[in-house]
Each structure stands twice: as C-alpha cells, then as structure tokens.
C-alpha cells in the first residue's frame, strides 16, 4: 500500500508543479485596504442590544414556521416519552369514570 501511496503522492506533486501560477497584481494590497474601509467595523454592543439582536434573529415571521416548529417540538416530546405506559388498575378506572352515567342523579 505504501508503494501505491508514494505513486499517488508523486502524481499529485507533478500536477502541482505543472499548474500555471499567476502572480498577484501590484495593487492588490491597495484594493484590499479600500474595500475594507467601505465595510462596517465591529462595534461594542451592550447586553440589551445583544439580546434584542438575538431575539430578532429567531423571529419567526410566517405562521408556517411557527406551525412547523410546534410540530417538531411535539414530535421531540413524543419520542422522549416513556414507552412503558401501561396504566395501573386504579388509573384506568379513574380516567374512564366519565363514561358511565350516574343514574342516581337522574
């Protein structure tokens, strides 16, 4: 395997040596400086502004995003629910108690 690796390395080295090299233009540094002057620089941000920007980034403008987020949250909660949900005898009797009419009140 090392012989194969050496051949690949030699081929790669030959390709790198044979590629065309273009020198940078003489005014490259000047163009970089001029471009950087036009870009806004980082400013000190207060904690309140940082929190406001954080909530602005997570703003959900469309109801479809809110619905999709609620569905994903529901799926995540459902997948994390315990699988052993066999009700005990007392719990099932209490839950189903609304199904039977209390004839004494009639």
N, C-alpha and C. Protein backbone atom coordinates (compact mmCIF):
# COMPACT_ATOMS: atom_id res chain seq x y z
N UNK A 1 0.81 -1.20 0.00
CA UNK A 1 0.00 0.00 0.00
C UNK A 1 0.86 1.26 0.00
N UNK A 2 1.99 1.21 0.66
CA UNK A 2 2.83 2.40 0.73
C UNK A 2 3.40 2.74 -0.64
N UNK A 3 3.66 1.71 -1.47
CA UNK A 3 4.14 1.96 -2.83
C UNK A 3 3.07 2.68 -3.65
N UNK A 4 1.82 2.25 -3.47
CA UNK A 4 0.71 2.90 -4.17
C UNK A 4 0.54 4.35 -3.68
N UNK A 5 0.69 4.53 -2.39
CA UNK A 5 0.58 5.87 -1.82
C UNK A 5 1.70 6.77 -2.33
N UNK A 6 2.90 6.23 -2.46
CA UNK A 6 4.02 7.01 -2.99
C UNK A 6 3.78 7.43 -4.42
N UNK A 7 3.19 6.53 -5.23
CA UNK A 7 2.89 6.87 -6.62
C UNK A 7 1.86 7.99 -6.69
N UNK A 8 0.84 7.90 -5.84
CA UNK A 8 -0.19 8.95 -5.81
C UNK A 8 0.41 10.28 -5.37
N UNK A 9 1.30 10.22 -4.39
CA UNK A 9 1.97 11.44 -3.94
C UNK A 9 2.81 12.05 -5.05
N UNK A 10 3.51 11.21 -5.81
CA UNK A 10 4.33 11.71 -6.91
C UNK A 10 3.47 12.31 -8.01
N UNK A 11 2.34 11.68 -8.31
CA UNK A 11 1.43 12.22 -9.31
C UNK A 11 0.87 13.58 -8.87
N UNK A 12 0.49 13.66 -7.60
CA UNK A 12 -0.03 14.91 -7.06
C UNK A 12 1.03 16.00 -7.11
N UNK A 13 2.23 15.65 -6.72
CA UNK A 13 3.33 16.62 -6.75
C UNK A 13 3.61 17.09 -8.18
N UNK A 14 3.55 16.16 -9.14
CA UNK A 14 3.78 16.53 -10.54
C UNK A 14 2.67 17.46 -11.03
N UNK A 15 1.43 17.18 -10.66
CA UNK A 15 0.33 18.05 -11.06
C UNK A 15 0.46 19.44 -10.44
N UNK A 16 0.86 19.49 -9.20
CA UNK A 16 1.05 20.78 -8.54
C UNK A 16 2.18 21.58 -9.19
N UNK A 17 3.23 20.91 -9.58
CA UNK A 17 4.36 21.59 -10.21
C UNK A 17 4.01 22.07 -11.62
N UNK A 18 3.14 21.34 -12.32
CA UNK A 18 2.82 21.69 -13.70
C UNK A 18 1.72 22.74 -13.81
N UNK A 19 1.08 23.09 -12.75
CA UNK A 19 -0.01 24.06 -12.84
C UNK A 19 0.55 25.46 -13.11
N UNK A 20 -0.31 26.27 -13.70
CA UNK A 20 0.09 27.63 -14.04
C UNK A 20 -0.03 28.52 -12.80
N UNK A 21 0.97 29.33 -12.58
CA UNK A 21 0.99 30.21 -11.40
C UNK A 21 0.92 31.65 -11.87
N UNK A 22 -0.09 32.36 -11.39
CA UNK A 22 -0.23 33.76 -11.76
C UNK A 22 0.13 34.63 -10.56
N UNK A 23 1.06 35.54 -10.73
CA UNK A 23 1.43 36.41 -9.62
C UNK A 23 0.29 37.40 -9.33
N UNK A 24 0.23 37.86 -8.09
CA UNK A 24 -0.80 38.82 -7.69
C UNK A 24 -0.55 40.16 -8.35
N UNK A 25 -1.62 40.89 -8.58
CA UNK A 25 -1.46 42.20 -9.21
C UNK A 25 -0.78 43.15 -8.22
N UNK A 26 -0.05 44.15 -8.71
CA UNK A 26 0.72 45.03 -7.83
C UNK A 26 -0.17 45.88 -6.92
N UNK A 27 -1.40 46.14 -7.32
CA UNK A 27 -2.25 46.99 -6.50
C UNK A 27 -3.20 46.17 -5.61
N UNK A 28 -2.88 44.91 -5.36
CA UNK A 28 -3.76 44.05 -4.57
C UNK A 28 -3.93 44.56 -3.14
N UNK A 29 -2.84 44.92 -2.50
CA UNK A 29 -2.92 45.40 -1.12
C UNK A 29 -3.74 46.68 -1.03
N UNK A 30 -3.58 47.55 -1.99
CA UNK A 30 -4.32 48.81 -2.00
C UNK A 30 -5.82 48.55 -2.19
N UNK A 31 -6.17 47.61 -3.06
CA UNK A 31 -7.58 47.28 -3.27
C UNK A 31 -8.20 46.66 -2.02
N UNK A 32 -7.43 45.84 -1.31
CA UNK A 32 -7.94 45.24 -0.07
C UNK A 32 -8.22 46.32 0.96
N UNK A 33 -7.31 47.27 1.10
CA UNK A 33 -7.50 48.35 2.07
C UNK A 33 -8.71 49.20 1.71
N UNK A 34 -8.87 49.53 0.44
CA UNK A 34 -10.02 50.34 0.02
C UNK A 34 -11.34 49.59 0.24
N UNK A 35 -11.33 48.31 -0.03
CA UNK A 35 -12.55 47.51 0.18
C UNK A 35 -12.87 47.42 1.67
N UNK A 36 -11.85 47.28 2.51
CA UNK A 36 -12.07 47.16 3.96
C UNK A 36 -12.59 48.46 4.56
N UNK A 37 -12.19 49.59 4.01
CA UNK A 37 -12.68 50.88 4.52
C UNK A 37 -14.18 51.03 4.33
N UNK A 38 -14.72 50.47 3.28
CA UNK A 38 -16.14 50.59 3.00
C UNK A 38 -17.01 49.65 3.82
N UNK A 39 -16.41 48.65 4.45
CA UNK A 39 -17.19 47.68 5.23
C UNK A 39 -17.38 48.19 6.65
N UNK A 40 -18.56 47.95 7.23
CA UNK A 40 -18.78 48.36 8.62
C UNK A 40 -17.90 47.54 9.57
N UNK A 41 -17.36 48.21 10.55
CA UNK A 41 -16.49 47.55 11.51
C UNK A 41 -17.29 47.08 12.72
N UNK A 42 -16.73 46.15 13.47
CA UNK A 42 -17.39 45.65 14.68
C UNK A 42 -17.43 46.76 15.72
N UNK A 43 -18.57 46.87 16.38
CA UNK A 43 -18.74 47.89 17.41
C UNK A 43 -19.05 47.21 18.73
N UNK A 44 -18.80 47.92 19.80
CA UNK A 44 -19.16 47.42 21.13
C UNK A 44 -20.68 47.41 21.23
N UNK A 45 -21.23 46.31 21.68
CA UNK A 45 -22.67 46.16 21.77
C UNK A 45 -23.03 45.93 23.23
N UNK A 46 -24.03 46.67 23.70
CA UNK A 46 -24.45 46.49 25.08
C UNK A 46 -25.22 45.18 25.20
N UNK A 47 -25.42 44.74 26.42
CA UNK A 47 -26.12 43.48 26.66
C UNK A 47 -27.56 43.56 26.15
N UNK A 48 -28.23 44.68 26.37
CA UNK A 48 -29.62 44.83 25.91
C UNK A 48 -29.69 44.76 24.39
N UNK A 49 -28.76 45.41 23.69
CA UNK A 49 -28.75 45.36 22.23
C UNK A 49 -28.45 43.96 21.73
N UNK A 50 -27.56 43.26 22.42
CA UNK A 50 -27.22 41.89 22.03
C UNK A 50 -28.42 40.98 22.16
N UNK A 51 -29.15 41.10 23.27
CA UNK A 51 -30.36 40.28 23.48
C UNK A 51 -31.41 40.62 22.44
N UNK A 52 -31.58 41.91 22.14
CA UNK A 52 -32.56 42.33 21.13
C UNK A 52 -32.20 41.74 19.76
N UNK A 53 -30.92 41.76 19.41
CA UNK A 53 -30.49 41.19 18.13
C UNK A 53 -30.67 39.67 18.11
N UNK A 54 -30.44 39.04 19.26
CA UNK A 54 -30.62 37.59 19.34
C UNK A 54 -32.07 37.22 19.09
N UNK A 55 -33.01 37.94 19.72
CA UNK A 55 -34.42 37.64 19.50
C UNK A 55 -34.85 38.01 18.09
N UNK A 56 -34.25 39.02 17.51
CA UNK A 56 -34.58 39.40 16.14
C UNK A 56 -34.15 38.31 15.16
N UNK A 57 -33.04 37.62 15.45
CA UNK A 57 -32.59 36.54 14.59
C UNK A 57 -33.52 35.35 14.65
N UNK A 58 -34.14 35.10 15.81
CA UNK A 58 -35.01 33.96 15.97
C UNK A 58 -36.47 34.31 15.74
N UNK A 59 -36.75 35.49 15.23
CA UNK A 59 -38.12 35.90 14.94
C UNK A 59 -38.68 35.04 13.81
N UNK A 60 -39.85 34.49 14.02
CA UNK A 60 -40.47 33.65 13.00
C UNK A 60 -41.58 34.46 12.34
N UNK A 61 -41.34 35.01 11.16
CA UNK A 61 -42.30 35.92 10.55
C UNK A 61 -43.51 35.22 9.95
N UNK A 62 -43.41 33.96 9.62
CA UNK A 62 -44.51 33.31 8.94
C UNK A 62 -45.13 32.25 9.84
N UNK A 63 -46.46 32.17 9.83
CA UNK A 63 -47.14 31.16 10.67
C UNK A 63 -46.75 29.74 10.32
N UNK A 64 -46.36 29.50 9.08
CA UNK A 64 -45.94 28.14 8.70
C UNK A 64 -44.71 27.71 9.49
N UNK A 65 -43.79 28.65 9.74
CA UNK A 65 -42.60 28.32 10.53
C UNK A 65 -42.99 28.01 11.97
N UNK A 66 -43.94 28.75 12.51
CA UNK A 66 -44.39 28.51 13.88
C UNK A 66 -45.04 27.14 13.97
N UNK A 67 -45.88 26.80 13.00
CA UNK A 67 -46.55 25.50 13.00
C UNK A 67 -45.53 24.38 12.85
N UNK A 68 -44.57 24.56 11.96
CA UNK A 68 -43.54 23.54 11.78
C UNK A 68 -42.72 23.37 13.05
N UNK A 69 -42.40 24.48 13.71
CA UNK A 69 -41.65 24.39 14.97
C UNK A 69 -42.45 23.69 16.05
N UNK A 70 -43.76 24.00 16.13
CA UNK A 70 -44.60 23.34 17.13
C UNK A 70 -44.71 21.85 16.86
N UNK A 71 -44.82 21.47 15.59
CA UNK A 71 -44.89 20.06 15.24
C UNK A 71 -43.58 19.34 15.57
N UNK A 72 -42.45 19.98 15.28
CA UNK A 72 -41.17 19.36 15.60
C UNK A 72 -41.00 19.22 17.11
N UNK A 73 -41.46 20.23 17.85
CA UNK A 73 -41.38 20.16 19.31
C UNK A 73 -42.26 19.02 19.81
N UNK A 74 -43.47 18.87 19.26
CA UNK A 74 -44.36 17.78 19.67
C UNK A 74 -43.79 16.42 19.36
N UNK A 75 -43.14 16.30 18.20
CA UNK A 75 -42.53 15.02 17.85
C UNK A 75 -41.38 14.71 18.81
N UNK A 76 -40.58 15.72 19.13
CA UNK A 76 -39.45 15.51 20.04
C UNK A 76 -39.95 15.10 21.42
N UNK A 77 -41.02 15.74 21.90
CA UNK A 77 -41.56 15.38 23.21
C UNK A 77 -42.15 13.97 23.16
N UNK A 78 -42.83 13.66 22.06
CA UNK A 78 -43.42 12.33 21.92
C UNK A 78 -42.38 11.23 21.86
N UNK A 79 -41.27 11.49 21.19
CA UNK A 79 -40.22 10.49 21.12
C UNK A 79 -39.50 10.31 22.45
N UNK A 80 -39.51 11.34 23.28
CA UNK A 80 -38.85 11.24 24.58
C UNK A 80 -39.76 10.73 25.67
N UNK A 81 -41.03 10.48 25.35
CA UNK A 81 -41.96 9.96 26.35
C UNK A 81 -41.60 8.52 26.66
N UNK A 82 -41.82 8.10 27.90
CA UNK A 82 -41.50 6.71 28.24
C UNK A 82 -42.42 5.75 27.48
N UNK A 83 -41.86 4.62 27.06
CA UNK A 83 -42.62 3.66 26.28
C UNK A 83 -43.51 2.78 27.15
N UNK A 84 -43.16 2.61 28.40
CA UNK A 84 -43.94 1.77 29.30
C UNK A 84 -45.10 2.60 29.85
N UNK A 85 -46.20 2.63 29.13
CA UNK A 85 -47.35 3.45 29.53
C UNK A 85 -48.55 2.58 29.89
N UNK A 86 -48.30 1.40 30.40
CA UNK A 86 -49.43 0.56 30.80
C UNK A 86 -50.05 1.16 32.05
N UNK A 87 -51.34 1.50 31.99
CA UNK A 87 -51.98 2.13 33.14
C UNK A 87 -52.24 1.11 34.24
N UNK A 88 -52.14 1.62 35.43
CA UNK A 88 -52.48 0.76 36.57
C UNK A 88 -53.99 0.65 36.66
N UNK A 89 -54.47 -0.29 37.42
CA UNK A 89 -55.91 -0.54 37.52
C UNK A 89 -56.65 0.67 38.07
N UNK A 90 -56.10 1.34 39.05
CA UNK A 90 -56.77 2.50 39.65
C UNK A 90 -56.81 3.67 38.69
N UNK A 91 -55.73 3.88 37.95
CA UNK A 91 -55.69 4.99 36.99
C UNK A 91 -56.70 4.80 35.88
N UNK A 92 -56.82 3.60 35.34
CA UNK A 92 -57.75 3.38 34.24
C UNK A 92 -59.19 3.54 34.70
N UNK A 93 -59.47 3.16 35.91
CA UNK A 93 -60.83 3.32 36.42
C UNK A 93 -61.15 4.80 36.60
N UNK A 94 -60.19 5.56 37.04
CA UNK A 94 -60.42 6.99 37.23
C UNK A 94 -60.58 7.71 35.90
N UNK A 95 -59.78 7.36 34.90
CA UNK A 95 -59.83 8.01 33.61
C UNK A 95 -61.14 7.69 32.91
N UNK A 96 -61.63 6.48 33.03
CA UNK A 96 -62.84 6.08 32.33
C UNK A 96 -64.12 6.35 33.13
N UNK A 97 -64.01 6.97 34.26
CA UNK A 97 -65.19 7.19 35.10
C UNK A 97 -66.20 8.14 34.45
N UNK A 98 -65.77 9.00 33.56
CA UNK A 98 -66.69 9.92 32.91
C UNK A 98 -67.59 9.21 31.89
N UNK A 99 -67.26 7.99 31.50
CA UNK A 99 -68.05 7.28 30.51
C UNK A 99 -69.35 6.73 31.08
N UNK A 100 -69.41 6.51 32.35
CA UNK A 100 -70.59 5.90 32.98
C UNK A 100 -71.46 6.98 33.59
N UNK A 101 -72.73 6.96 33.24
CA UNK A 101 -73.66 7.95 33.76
C UNK A 101 -74.02 7.59 35.20
N UNK A 102 -74.10 8.60 36.00
CA UNK A 102 -74.52 8.40 37.38
C UNK A 102 -76.05 8.45 37.42
N UNK A 103 -76.67 7.28 37.46
CA UNK A 103 -78.12 7.20 37.37
C UNK A 103 -78.81 7.71 38.61
N UNK A 104 -78.09 7.82 39.68
CA UNK A 104 -78.71 8.30 40.92
C UNK A 104 -79.13 9.75 40.84
N UNK A 105 -78.43 10.54 40.03
CA UNK A 105 -78.74 11.96 39.93
C UNK A 105 -79.97 12.22 39.07
N UNK A 106 -80.35 11.30 38.21
CA UNK A 106 -81.48 11.50 37.33
C UNK A 106 -82.71 11.27 38.10
